[in-house]
């Protein structure tokens, strides 16, 4: 009795998979070595990526700390010297003064700032600036009592004070005013 082999026509992938299986069976030790090498390479690569992430986090943290330091040392945010607190009466006299300025602290609370003034009998002019922008003015020389107001938004990174500039064209003028705290 003789055994006859039947040759079937198989697809290419069938022979490829069978060849890989046969190779893995004969050279199991080589497959094991390749697996260990791959595992060690993978762990080293992951460790390298972790080190990169730690360096990136350190860079971002350093940038954030620099930005915070820059904001806390912001020259335009801190009040200048001789800043007058809000709700403090200011009584002065003029005398051909072209631009006598007082700085008034407004704080962190947004709201309406009201300025009540008394220019007495001789006329003077009042201009109010916030962040170097004219926000209110008497729009010329006035005498007697009056009132100005503007909206104060108290935005982060912006100045927290206003500047009141008085102009007195005559000798002997007297004025007083109060810059209210925002409410």
Foldseek 3Di string as FASTA:
>chain_A
DDDDDDDDDDDPVVVVVVVVVVVCVVPVVVVVVVVVVVVVVVVVVVVVVVVVVVVVVVVVVVVVVVVVVCLVPPPQADDDPQEAEAQDKDKDFDAQDDWDKHKYFQDQDWAKKKKKKAFAPAWKKKFKAFQNHTFDIPPDTDHGIDMDMGTGDNDRPGYRIMMIIMGHRHGGTIMMMGIHHGD
